[in-house]
PDB file of all heavy atoms in Angstrom:
ATOM      1  N   ILE A   1       4.818 -66.676  34.489  1.00  0.00           N
ATOM      2  CA  ILE A   1       5.852 -66.120  35.374  1.00  0.00           C
ATOM      3  C   ILE A   1       6.872 -65.323  34.558  1.00  0.00           C
ATOM      4  O   ILE A   1       7.304 -64.237  34.964  1.00  0.00           O
ATOM      5  CB  ILE A   1       6.538 -67.246  36.181  1.00  0.00           C
ATOM      6  CG1 ILE A   1       5.549 -67.829  37.196  1.00  0.00           C
ATOM      7  CG2 ILE A   1       7.772 -66.712  36.908  1.00  0.00           C
ATOM      8  CD1 ILE A   1       6.083 -68.994  37.987  1.00  0.00           C
ATOM      9  N   LEU A   2       7.256 -65.838  33.378  1.00  0.00           N
ATOM     10  CA  LEU A   2       8.164 -65.091  32.503  1.00  0.00           C
ATOM     11  C   LEU A   2       7.564 -63.741  32.127  1.00  0.00           C
ATOM     12  O   LEU A   2       8.256 -62.712  32.133  1.00  0.00           O
ATOM     13  CB  LEU A   2       8.455 -65.909  31.245  1.00  0.00           C
ATOM     14  CG  LEU A   2       9.291 -65.207  30.169  1.00  0.00           C
ATOM     15  CD1 LEU A   2      10.686 -64.883  30.690  1.00  0.00           C
ATOM     16  CD2 LEU A   2       9.379 -66.081  28.904  1.00  0.00           C
ATOM     17  N   SER A   3       6.270 -63.725  31.819  1.00  0.00           N
ATOM     18  CA  SER A   3       5.614 -62.467  31.437  1.00  0.00           C
ATOM     19  C   SER A   3       5.617 -61.470  32.598  1.00  0.00           C
ATOM     20  O   SER A   3       5.750 -60.263  32.383  1.00  0.00           O
ATOM     21  CB  SER A   3       4.187 -62.735  30.965  1.00  0.00           C
ATOM     22  OG  SER A   3       3.326 -63.038  32.051  1.00  0.00           O
ATOM     23  N   MET A   4       5.465 -61.961  33.820  1.00  0.00           N
ATOM     24  CA  MET A   4       5.500 -61.088  34.983  1.00  0.00           C
ATOM     25  C   MET A   4       6.866 -60.404  35.122  1.00  0.00           C
ATOM     26  O   MET A   4       6.961 -59.216  35.419  1.00  0.00           O
ATOM     27  CB  MET A   4       5.182 -61.865  36.261  1.00  0.00           C
ATOM     28  CG  MET A   4       3.772 -62.423  36.337  1.00  0.00           C
ATOM     29  SD  MET A   4       3.513 -63.403  37.839  1.00  0.00           S
ATOM     30  CE  MET A   4       2.914 -62.149  38.958  1.00  0.00           C
ATOM     31  N   VAL A   5       7.934 -61.180  34.891  1.00  0.00           N
ATOM     32  CA  VAL A   5       9.290 -60.642  35.008  1.00  0.00           C
ATOM     33  C   VAL A   5       9.541 -59.565  33.950  1.00  0.00           C
ATOM     34  O   VAL A   5      10.037 -58.470  34.243  1.00  0.00           O
ATOM     35  CB  VAL A   5      10.332 -61.774  34.885  1.00  0.00           C
ATOM     36  CG1 VAL A   5      11.749 -61.201  34.819  1.00  0.00           C
ATOM     37  CG2 VAL A   5      10.211 -62.736  36.060  1.00  0.00           C
ATOM     38  N   VAL A   6       9.165 -59.849  32.700  1.00  0.00           N
ATOM     39  CA  VAL A   6       9.427 -58.907  31.606  1.00  0.00           C
ATOM     40  C   VAL A   6       8.555 -57.657  31.748  1.00  0.00           C
ATOM     41  O   VAL A   6       9.039 -56.520  31.622  1.00  0.00           O
ATOM     42  CB  VAL A   6       9.197 -59.587  30.240  1.00  0.00           C
ATOM     43  CG1 VAL A   6       9.415 -58.588  29.105  1.00  0.00           C
ATOM     44  CG2 VAL A   6      10.129 -60.781  30.080  1.00  0.00           C
ATOM     45  N   THR A   7       7.261 -57.859  32.013  1.00  0.00           N
ATOM     46  CA  THR A   7       6.358 -56.712  32.154  1.00  0.00           C
ATOM     47  C   THR A   7       6.747 -55.846  33.341  1.00  0.00           C
ATOM     48  O   THR A   7       6.738 -54.610  33.260  1.00  0.00           O
ATOM     49  CB  THR A   7       4.902 -57.203  32.334  1.00  0.00           C
ATOM     50  OG1 THR A   7       4.565 -58.057  31.257  1.00  0.00           O
ATOM     51  CG2 THR A   7       3.939 -56.030  32.354  1.00  0.00           C
ATOM     52  N   GLY A   8       7.122 -56.485  34.454  1.00  0.00           N
ATOM     53  CA  GLY A   8       7.554 -55.726  35.628  1.00  0.00           C
ATOM     54  C   GLY A   8       8.804 -54.914  35.368  1.00  0.00           C
ATOM     55  O   GLY A   8       8.964 -53.810  35.899  1.00  0.00           O
ATOM     56  N   SER A   9       9.710 -55.447  34.538  1.00  0.00           N
ATOM     57  CA  SER A   9      10.927 -54.699  34.187  1.00  0.00           C
ATOM     58  C   SER A   9      10.577 -53.424  33.436  1.00  0.00           C
ATOM     59  O   SER A   9      11.132 -52.348  33.707  1.00  0.00           O
ATOM     60  CB  SER A   9      11.856 -55.577  33.340  1.00  0.00           C
ATOM     61  OG  SER A   9      12.237 -56.735  34.039  1.00  0.00           O
ATOM     62  N   GLY A  10       9.659 -53.530  32.472  1.00  0.00           N
ATOM     63  CA  GLY A  10       9.242 -52.346  31.730  1.00  0.00           C
ATOM     64  C   GLY A  10       8.511 -51.349  32.592  1.00  0.00           C
ATOM     65  O   GLY A  10       8.748 -50.139  32.522  1.00  0.00           O
ATOM     66  N   ALA A  11       7.620 -51.851  33.447  1.00  0.00           N
ATOM     67  CA  ALA A  11       6.868 -50.966  34.330  1.00  0.00           C
ATOM     68  C   ALA A  11       7.793 -50.219  35.269  1.00  0.00           C
ATOM     69  O   ALA A  11       7.599 -49.029  35.560  1.00  0.00           O
ATOM     70  CB  ALA A  11       5.845 -51.778  35.132  1.00  0.00           C
ATOM     71  N   GLY A  12       8.847 -50.894  35.756  1.00  0.00           N
ATOM     72  CA  GLY A  12       9.774 -50.254  36.676  1.00  0.00           C
ATOM     73  C   GLY A  12      10.502 -49.083  36.051  1.00  0.00           C
ATOM     74  O   GLY A  12      10.632 -48.010  36.655  1.00  0.00           O
ATOM     75  N   GLY A  13      11.006 -49.276  34.819  1.00  0.00           N
ATOM     76  CA  GLY A  13      11.693 -48.181  34.151  1.00  0.00           C
ATOM     77  C   GLY A  13      10.785 -47.003  33.864  1.00  0.00           C
ATOM     78  O   GLY A  13      11.227 -45.849  33.833  1.00  0.00           O
ATOM     79  N   PHE A  14       9.515 -47.270  33.660  1.00  0.00           N
ATOM     80  CA  PHE A  14       8.535 -46.216  33.396  1.00  0.00           C
ATOM     81  C   PHE A  14       8.199 -45.447  34.671  1.00  0.00           C
ATOM     82  O   PHE A  14       8.178 -44.213  34.700  1.00  0.00           O
ATOM     83  CB  PHE A  14       7.280 -46.849  32.808  1.00  0.00           C
ATOM     84  CG  PHE A  14       6.233 -45.878  32.366  1.00  0.00           C
ATOM     85  CD1 PHE A  14       6.212 -45.401  31.066  1.00  0.00           C
ATOM     86  CD2 PHE A  14       5.254 -45.444  33.239  1.00  0.00           C
ATOM     87  CE1 PHE A  14       5.233 -44.511  30.650  1.00  0.00           C
ATOM     88  CE2 PHE A  14       4.283 -44.564  32.841  1.00  0.00           C
ATOM     89  CZ  PHE A  14       4.263 -44.087  31.541  1.00  0.00           C
ATOM     90  N   LYS A  15       7.933 -46.179  35.738  1.00  0.00           N
ATOM     91  CA  LYS A  15       7.405 -45.582  36.960  1.00  0.00           C
ATOM     92  C   LYS A  15       8.345 -44.539  37.565  1.00  0.00           C
ATOM     93  O   LYS A  15       7.899 -43.502  38.058  1.00  0.00           O
ATOM     94  CB  LYS A  15       7.114 -46.667  38.000  1.00  0.00           C
ATOM     95  CG  LYS A  15       5.873 -47.493  37.723  1.00  0.00           C
ATOM     96  CD  LYS A  15       5.729 -48.612  38.735  1.00  0.00           C
ATOM     97  CE  LYS A  15       4.487 -49.453  38.475  1.00  0.00           C
ATOM     98  NZ  LYS A  15       3.246 -48.717  38.708  1.00  0.00           N
ATOM     99  N   SER A  16       9.653 -44.814  37.570  1.00  0.00           N
ATOM    100  CA  SER A  16      10.574 -43.890  38.229  1.00  0.00           C
ATOM    101  C   SER A  16      10.790 -42.611  37.454  1.00  0.00           C
ATOM    102  O   SER A  16      11.319 -41.635  37.993  1.00  0.00           O
ATOM    103  CB  SER A  16      11.926 -44.583  38.459  1.00  0.00           C
ATOM    104  OG  SER A  16      12.480 -45.012  37.231  1.00  0.00           O
ATOM    105  N   ASN A  17      10.378 -42.575  36.181  1.00  0.00           N
ATOM    106  CA  ASN A  17      10.700 -41.421  35.334  1.00  0.00           C
ATOM    107  C   ASN A  17       9.498 -40.608  34.879  1.00  0.00           C
ATOM    108  O   ASN A  17       9.641 -39.417  34.595  1.00  0.00           O
ATOM    109  CB  ASN A  17      11.475 -41.913  34.103  1.00  0.00           C
ATOM    110  CG  ASN A  17      12.853 -42.399  34.459  1.00  0.00           C
ATOM    111  OD1 ASN A  17      13.694 -41.638  34.902  1.00  0.00           O
ATOM    112  ND2 ASN A  17      13.092 -43.690  34.302  1.00  0.00           N
ATOM    113  N   ILE A  18       8.302 -41.226  34.812  1.00  0.00           N
ATOM    114  CA  ILE A  18       7.180 -40.485  34.241  1.00  0.00           C
ATOM    115  C   ILE A  18       6.710 -39.342  35.135  1.00  0.00           C
ATOM    116  O   ILE A  18       6.474 -38.234  34.680  1.00  0.00           O
ATOM    117  CB  ILE A  18       6.007 -41.435  33.888  1.00  0.00           C
ATOM    118  CG1 ILE A  18       4.904 -40.693  33.137  1.00  0.00           C
ATOM    119  CG2 ILE A  18       5.461 -42.135  35.113  1.00  0.00           C
ATOM    120  CD1 ILE A  18       5.340 -40.138  31.812  1.00  0.00           C
ATOM    121  N   SER A  19       6.586 -39.588  36.441  1.00  0.00           N
ATOM    122  CA  SER A  19       6.068 -38.522  37.301  1.00  0.00           C
ATOM    123  C   SER A  19       7.051 -37.362  37.456  1.00  0.00           C
ATOM    124  O   SER A  19       6.634 -36.190  37.440  1.00  0.00           O
ATOM    125  CB  SER A  19       5.641 -39.076  38.667  1.00  0.00           C
ATOM    126  OG  SER A  19       6.688 -39.728  39.309  1.00  0.00           O
ATOM    127  N   PRO A  20       8.391 -37.581  37.585  1.00  0.00           N
ATOM    128  CA  PRO A  20       9.290 -36.421  37.586  1.00  0.00           C
ATOM    129  C   PRO A  20       9.247 -35.652  36.275  1.00  0.00           C
ATOM    130  O   PRO A  20       9.345 -34.416  36.270  1.00  0.00           O
ATOM    131  CB  PRO A  20      10.669 -37.047  37.823  1.00  0.00           C
ATOM    132  CG  PRO A  20      10.408 -38.335  38.492  1.00  0.00           C
ATOM    133  CD  PRO A  20       9.118 -38.829  37.901  1.00  0.00           C
ATOM    134  N   LEU A  21       9.102 -36.360  35.156  1.00  0.00           N
ATOM    135  CA  LEU A  21       9.045 -35.676  33.866  1.00  0.00           C
ATOM    136  C   LEU A  21       7.808 -34.797  33.767  1.00  0.00           C
ATOM    137  O   LEU A  21       7.852 -33.688  33.228  1.00  0.00           O
ATOM    138  CB  LEU A  21       9.057 -36.701  32.735  1.00  0.00           C
ATOM    139  CG  LEU A  21       9.162 -36.126  31.320  1.00  0.00           C
ATOM    140  CD1 LEU A  21      10.439 -35.323  31.165  1.00  0.00           C
ATOM    141  CD2 LEU A  21       9.119 -37.245  30.289  1.00  0.00           C
ATOM    142  N   ILE A  22       6.683 -35.274  34.290  1.00  0.00           N
ATOM    143  CA  ILE A  22       5.465 -34.467  34.294  1.00  0.00           C
ATOM    144  C   ILE A  22       5.643 -33.227  35.151  1.00  0.00           C
ATOM    145  O   ILE A  22       5.390 -32.096  34.720  1.00  0.00           O
ATOM    146  CB  ILE A  22       4.275 -35.293  34.807  1.00  0.00           C
ATOM    147  CG1 ILE A  22       3.854 -36.325  33.757  1.00  0.00           C
ATOM    148  CG2 ILE A  22       3.085 -34.405  35.151  1.00  0.00           C
ATOM    149  CD1 ILE A  22       2.795 -37.280  34.229  1.00  0.00           C
ATOM    150  N   ALA A  23       6.102 -33.427  36.379  1.00  0.00           N
ATOM    151  CA  ALA A  23       6.159 -32.308  37.331  1.00  0.00           C
ATOM    152  C   ALA A  23       7.190 -31.264  36.932  1.00  0.00           C
ATOM    153  O   ALA A  23       7.022 -30.080  37.211  1.00  0.00           O
ATOM    154  CB  ALA A  23       6.443 -32.828  38.741  1.00  0.00           C
ATOM    155  N   GLU A  24       8.277 -31.673  36.260  1.00  0.00           N
ATOM    156  CA  GLU A  24       9.302 -30.691  35.934  1.00  0.00           C
ATOM    157  C   GLU A  24       8.929 -29.835  34.717  1.00  0.00           C
ATOM    158  O   GLU A  24       9.685 -28.936  34.343  1.00  0.00           O
ATOM    159  CB  GLU A  24      10.657 -31.361  35.731  1.00  0.00           C
ATOM    160  CG  GLU A  24      10.831 -32.151  34.468  1.00  0.00           C
ATOM    161  CD  GLU A  24      12.223 -32.747  34.376  1.00  0.00           C
ATOM    162  OE1 GLU A  24      13.032 -32.512  35.303  1.00  0.00           O
ATOM    163  OE2 GLU A  24      12.502 -33.440  33.387  1.00  0.00           O
ATOM    164  N   GLN A  25       7.766 -30.069  34.114  1.00  0.00           N
ATOM    165  CA  GLN A  25       7.274 -29.119  33.112  1.00  0.00           C
ATOM    166  C   GLN A  25       6.956 -27.778  33.767  1.00  0.00           C
ATOM    167  O   GLN A  25       6.912 -26.742  33.117  1.00  0.00           O
ATOM    168  CB  GLN A  25       6.037 -29.682  32.405  1.00  0.00           C
ATOM    169  CG  GLN A  25       6.225 -31.041  31.748  1.00  0.00           C
ATOM    170  CD  GLN A  25       7.438 -31.115  30.850  1.00  0.00           C
ATOM    171  OE1 GLN A  25       7.575 -30.324  29.916  1.00  0.00           O
ATOM    172  NE2 GLN A  25       8.339 -32.047  31.144  1.00  0.00           N
ATOM    173  N   TYR A  26       6.736 -27.808  35.088  1.00  0.00           N
ATOM    174  CA  TYR A  26       6.548 -26.576  35.863  1.00  0.00           C
ATOM    175  C   TYR A  26       7.881 -26.245  36.518  1.00  0.00           C
ATOM    176  O   TYR A  26       8.379 -27.007  37.346  1.00  0.00           O
ATOM    177  CB  TYR A  26       5.462 -26.794  36.922  1.00  0.00           C
ATOM    178  CG  TYR A  26       5.184 -25.584  37.789  1.00  0.00           C
ATOM    179  CD1 TYR A  26       4.466 -24.501  37.298  1.00  0.00           C
ATOM    180  CD2 TYR A  26       5.643 -25.531  39.107  1.00  0.00           C
ATOM    181  CE1 TYR A  26       4.209 -23.404  38.087  1.00  0.00           C
ATOM    182  CE2 TYR A  26       5.388 -24.429  39.906  1.00  0.00           C
ATOM    183  CZ  TYR A  26       4.678 -23.366  39.395  1.00  0.00           C
ATOM    184  OH  TYR A  26       4.432 -22.273  40.183  1.00  0.00           O
ATOM    185  N   ARG A  27       8.486 -25.109  36.168  1.00  0.00           N
ATOM    186  CA  ARG A  27       9.861 -24.821  36.551  1.00  0.00           C
ATOM    187  C   ARG A  27      10.005 -23.895  37.764  1.00  0.00           C
ATOM    188  O   ARG A  27      11.113 -23.639  38.202  1.00  0.00           O
ATOM    189  CB  ARG A  27      10.610 -24.217  35.359  1.00  0.00           C
ATOM    190  CG  ARG A  27      10.924 -25.251  34.263  1.00  0.00           C
ATOM    191  CD  ARG A  27      11.799 -26.364  34.811  1.00  0.00           C
ATOM    192  NE  ARG A  27      12.100 -27.400  33.839  1.00  0.00           N
ATOM    193  CZ  ARG A  27      13.263 -27.521  33.200  1.00  0.00           C
ATOM    194  NH1 ARG A  27      14.217 -26.653  33.416  1.00  0.00           N
ATOM    195  NH2 ARG A  27      13.453 -28.506  32.352  1.00  0.00           N
ATOM    196  N   ARG A  28       8.927 -23.375  38.299  1.00  0.00           N
ATOM    197  CA  ARG A  28       9.047 -22.517  39.475  1.00  0.00           C
ATOM    198  C   ARG A  28       9.494 -23.348  40.674  1.00  0.00           C
ATOM    199  O   ARG A  28       9.000 -24.454  40.891  1.00  0.00           O
ATOM    200  CB  ARG A  28       7.713 -21.855  39.798  1.00  0.00           C
ATOM    201  CG  ARG A  28       7.238 -20.871  38.739  1.00  0.00           C
ATOM    202  CD  ARG A  28       7.873 -19.513  38.936  1.00  0.00           C
ATOM    203  NE  ARG A  28       7.210 -18.490  38.152  1.00  0.00           N
ATOM    204  CZ  ARG A  28       7.502 -17.192  38.207  1.00  0.00           C
ATOM    205  NH1 ARG A  28       8.428 -16.766  39.040  1.00  0.00           N
ATOM    206  NH2 ARG A  28       6.866 -16.329  37.447  1.00  0.00           N
ATOM    207  N   THR A  29      10.397 -22.787  41.492  1.00  0.00           N
ATOM    208  CA  THR A  29      10.867 -23.504  42.673  1.00  0.00           C
ATOM    209  C   THR A  29      10.735 -22.698  43.962  1.00  0.00           C
ATOM    210  O   THR A  29      10.850 -23.260  45.046  1.00  0.00           O
ATOM    211  CB  THR A  29      12.343 -23.910  42.505  1.00  0.00           C
ATOM    212  OG1 THR A  29      13.135 -22.728  42.301  1.00  0.00           O
ATOM    213  CG2 THR A  29      12.525 -24.847  41.316  1.00  0.00           C
ATOM    214  N   LYS A  30      10.496 -21.375  43.858  1.00  0.00           N
ATOM    215  CA  LYS A  30      10.426 -20.532  45.056  1.00  0.00           C
ATOM    216  C   LYS A  30       9.121 -19.756  45.095  1.00  0.00           C
ATOM    217  O   LYS A  30       8.448 -19.560  44.068  1.00  0.00           O
ATOM    218  CB  LYS A  30      11.602 -19.541  45.078  1.00  0.00           C
ATOM    219  CG  LYS A  30      12.958 -20.206  45.231  1.00  0.00           C
ATOM    220  CD  LYS A  30      14.043 -19.148  45.345  1.00  0.00           C
ATOM    221  CE  LYS A  30      15.406 -19.790  45.506  1.00  0.00           C
ATOM    222  NZ  LYS A  30      16.476 -18.770  45.619  1.00  0.00           N
ATOM    223  N   LEU A  31       8.781 -19.295  46.288  1.00  0.00           N
ATOM    224  CA  LEU A  31       7.592 -18.462  46.446  1.00  0.00           C
ATOM    225  C   LEU A  31       7.710 -17.207  45.593  1.00  0.00           C
ATOM    226  O   LEU A  31       8.787 -16.623  45.458  1.00  0.00           O
ATOM    227  CB  LEU A  31       7.440 -18.051  47.917  1.00  0.00           C
ATOM    228  CG  LEU A  31       7.220 -19.173  48.945  1.00  0.00           C
ATOM    229  CD1 LEU A  31       7.364 -18.622  50.356  1.00  0.00           C
ATOM    230  CD2 LEU A  31       5.846 -19.793  48.781  1.00  0.00           C
ATOM    231  N   PHE A  32       6.589 -16.781  44.992  1.00  0.00           N
ATOM    232  CA  PHE A  32       6.591 -15.522  44.236  1.00  0.00           C
ATOM    233  C   PHE A  32       5.221 -14.860  44.361  1.00  0.00           C
ATOM    234  O   PHE A  32       4.224 -15.504  44.718  1.00  0.00           O
ATOM    235  CB  PHE A  32       6.959 -15.747  42.762  1.00  0.00           C
ATOM    236  CG  PHE A  32       5.978 -16.582  41.988  1.00  0.00           C
ATOM    237  CD1 PHE A  32       4.972 -15.983  41.220  1.00  0.00           C
ATOM    238  CD2 PHE A  32       6.054 -17.974  42.003  1.00  0.00           C
ATOM    239  CE1 PHE A  32       4.074 -16.752  40.498  1.00  0.00           C
ATOM    240  CE2 PHE A  32       5.157 -18.742  41.281  1.00  0.00           C
ATOM    241  CZ  PHE A  32       4.168 -18.142  40.522  1.00  0.00           C
ATOM    242  N   VAL A  33       5.194 -13.561  44.071  1.00  0.00           N
ATOM    243  CA  VAL A  33       3.962 -12.774  44.182  1.00  0.00           C
ATOM    244  C   VAL A  33       3.336 -12.627  42.805  1.00  0.00           C
ATOM    245  O   VAL A  33       4.013 -12.350  41.817  1.00  0.00           O
ATOM    246  CB  VAL A  33       4.250 -11.380  44.780  1.00  0.00           C
ATOM    247  CG1 VAL A  33       2.965 -10.547  44.827  1.00  0.00           C
ATOM    248  CG2 VAL A  33       4.856 -11.515  46.166  1.00  0.00           C
ATOM    249  N   LYS A  34       2.018 -12.838  42.753  1.00  0.00           N
ATOM    250  CA  LYS A  34       1.293 -12.752  41.490  1.00  0.00           C
ATOM    251  C   LYS A  34       0.063 -11.866  41.679  1.00  0.00           C
ATOM    252  O   LYS A  34      -0.573 -11.890  42.732  1.00  0.00           O
ATOM    253  CB  LYS A  34       0.861 -14.154  41.057  1.00  0.00           C
ATOM    254  CG  LYS A  34       0.024 -14.200  39.785  1.00  0.00           C
ATOM    255  CD  LYS A  34      -0.391 -15.633  39.467  1.00  0.00           C
ATOM    256  CE  LYS A  34      -1.284 -15.699  38.239  1.00  0.00           C
ATOM    257  NZ  LYS A  34      -1.690 -17.097  37.922  1.00  0.00           N
ATOM    258  N   THR A  35      -0.253 -11.092  40.654  1.00  0.00           N
ATOM    259  CA  THR A  35      -1.448 -10.239  40.691  1.00  0.00           C
ATOM    260  C   THR A  35      -2.571 -10.943  39.936  1.00  0.00           C
ATOM    261  O   THR A  35      -2.410 -11.312  38.768  1.00  0.00           O
ATOM    262  CB  THR A  35      -1.183  -8.873  40.050  1.00  0.00           C
ATOM    263  OG1 THR A  35      -0.095  -8.243  40.737  1.00  0.00           O
ATOM    264  CG2 THR A  35      -2.419  -7.989  40.149  1.00  0.00           C
ATOM    265  N   THR A  36      -3.696 -11.174  40.602  1.00  0.00           N
ATOM    266  CA  THR A  36      -4.823 -11.876  39.987  1.00  0.00           C
ATOM    267  C   THR A  36      -5.588 -10.937  39.063  1.00  0.00           C
ATOM    268  O   THR A  36      -5.347  -9.727  39.013  1.00  0.00           O
ATOM    269  CB  THR A  36      -5.770 -12.417  41.059  1.00  0.00           C
ATOM    270  OG1 THR A  36      -6.386 -11.319  41.739  1.00  0.00           O
ATOM    271  CG2 THR A  36      -5.010 -13.267  42.069  1.00  0.00           C
ATOM    272  N   LYS A  37      -6.555 -11.500  38.311  1.00  0.00           N
ATOM    273  CA  LYS A  37      -7.366 -10.700  37.402  1.00  0.00           C
ATOM    274  C   LYS A  37      -8.185  -9.660  38.153  1.00  0.00           C
ATOM    275  O   LYS A  37      -8.589  -8.644  37.583  1.00  0.00           O
ATOM    276  CB  LYS A  37      -8.288 -11.614  36.598  1.00  0.00           C
ATOM    277  CG  LYS A  37      -7.551 -12.524  35.623  1.00  0.00           C
ATOM    278  CD  LYS A  37      -8.509 -13.412  34.850  1.00  0.00           C
ATOM    279  CE  LYS A  37      -7.757 -14.295  33.871  1.00  0.00           C
ATOM    280  NZ  LYS A  37      -8.662 -15.195  33.104  1.00  0.00           N
ATOM    281  N   ARG A  38      -8.464  -9.919  39.438  1.00  0.00           N
ATOM    282  CA  ARG A  38      -9.224  -8.969  40.250  1.00  0.00           C
ATOM    283  C   ARG A  38      -8.338  -7.929  40.911  1.00  0.00           C
ATOM    284  O   ARG A  38      -8.801  -7.112  41.700  1.00  0.00           O
ATOM    285  CB  ARG A  38     -10.022  -9.717  41.316  1.00  0.00           C
ATOM    286  CG  ARG A  38     -11.118 -10.604  40.747  1.00  0.00           C
ATOM    287  CD  ARG A  38     -11.963 -11.234  41.828  1.00  0.00           C
ATOM    288  NE  ARG A  38     -11.184 -12.178  42.638  1.00  0.00           N
ATOM    289  CZ  ARG A  38     -11.685 -12.871  43.657  1.00  0.00           C
ATOM    290  NH1 ARG A  38     -12.963 -12.695  44.005  1.00  0.00           N
ATOM    291  NH2 ARG A  38     -10.934 -13.718  44.318  1.00  0.00           N
ATOM    292  N   GLY A  39      -7.047  -7.953  40.583  1.00  0.00           N
ATOM    293  CA  GLY A  39      -6.133  -6.966  41.117  1.00  0.00           C
ATOM    294  C   GLY A  39      -5.543  -7.320  42.474  1.00  0.00           C
ATOM    295  O   GLY A  39      -4.804  -6.517  43.054  1.00  0.00           O
ATOM    296  N   GLU A  40      -5.808  -8.506  42.965  1.00  0.00           N
ATOM    297  CA  GLU A  40      -5.263  -8.922  44.255  1.00  0.00           C
ATOM    298  C   GLU A  40      -3.840  -9.438  44.080  1.00  0.00           C
ATOM    299  O   GLU A  40      -3.534 -10.121  43.114  1.00  0.00           O
ATOM    300  CB  GLU A  40      -6.126 -10.029  44.865  1.00  0.00           C
ATOM    301  CG  GLU A  40      -7.542  -9.612  45.190  1.00  0.00           C
ATOM    302  CD  GLU A  40      -8.366 -10.785  45.714  1.00  0.00           C
ATOM    303  OE1 GLU A  40      -8.229 -11.908  45.168  1.00  0.00           O
ATOM    304  OE2 GLU A  40      -9.132 -10.570  46.669  1.00  0.00           O
ATOM    305  N   ARG A  41      -2.985  -9.094  45.022  1.00  0.00           N
ATOM    306  CA  ARG A  41      -1.618  -9.608  45.031  1.00  0.00           C
ATOM    307  C   ARG A  41      -1.575 -10.803  45.981  1.00  0.00           C
ATOM    308  O   ARG A  41      -1.886 -10.679  47.168  1.00  0.00           O
ATOM    309  CB  ARG A  41      -0.631  -8.528  45.472  1.00  0.00           C
ATOM    310  CG  ARG A  41      -0.414  -7.460  44.405  1.00  0.00           C
ATOM    311  CD  ARG A  41       0.392  -6.284  44.929  1.00  0.00           C
ATOM    312  NE  ARG A  41       1.696  -6.666  45.422  1.00  0.00           N
ATOM    313  CZ  ARG A  41       2.777  -6.869  44.660  1.00  0.00           C
ATOM    314  NH1 ARG A  41       2.676  -6.716  43.347  1.00  0.00           N
ATOM    315  NH2 ARG A  41       3.942  -7.193  45.180  1.00  0.00           N
ATOM    316  N   VAL A  42      -1.213 -11.965  45.432  1.00  0.00           N
ATOM    317  CA  VAL A  42      -1.205 -13.191  46.227  1.00  0.00           C
ATOM    318  C   VAL A  42       0.172 -13.839  46.137  1.00  0.00           C
ATOM    319  O   VAL A  42       0.920 -13.631  45.181  1.00  0.00           O
ATOM    320  CB  VAL A  42      -2.283 -14.184  45.741  1.00  0.00           C
ATOM    321  CG1 VAL A  42      -3.672 -13.608  45.924  1.00  0.00           C
ATOM    322  CG2 VAL A  42      -2.049 -14.567  44.286  1.00  0.00           C
ATOM    323  N   ILE A  43       0.489 -14.616  47.157  1.00  0.00           N
ATOM    324  CA  ILE A  43       1.740 -15.377  47.169  1.00  0.00           C
ATOM    325  C   ILE A  43       1.454 -16.767  46.608  1.00  0.00           C
ATOM    326  O   ILE A  43       0.542 -17.464  47.066  1.00  0.00           O
ATOM    327  CB  ILE A  43       2.315 -15.486  48.596  1.00  0.00           C
ATOM    328  CG1 ILE A  43       2.672 -14.093  49.128  1.00  0.00           C
ATOM    329  CG2 ILE A  43       3.543 -16.396  48.614  1.00  0.00           C
ATOM    330  CD1 ILE A  43       3.135 -14.088  50.570  1.00  0.00           C
TER     331      ILE A  43
END
């Protein structure tokens, strides 16, 4: 039971921060237009 409490504490601090840290490596926030290698303009 002690191990559950300690391990859960560590897991909790990890869980709330790892996924936002991953996703914020991508910094775009708004729609933008991009030209593909085939010359197509896409949103």
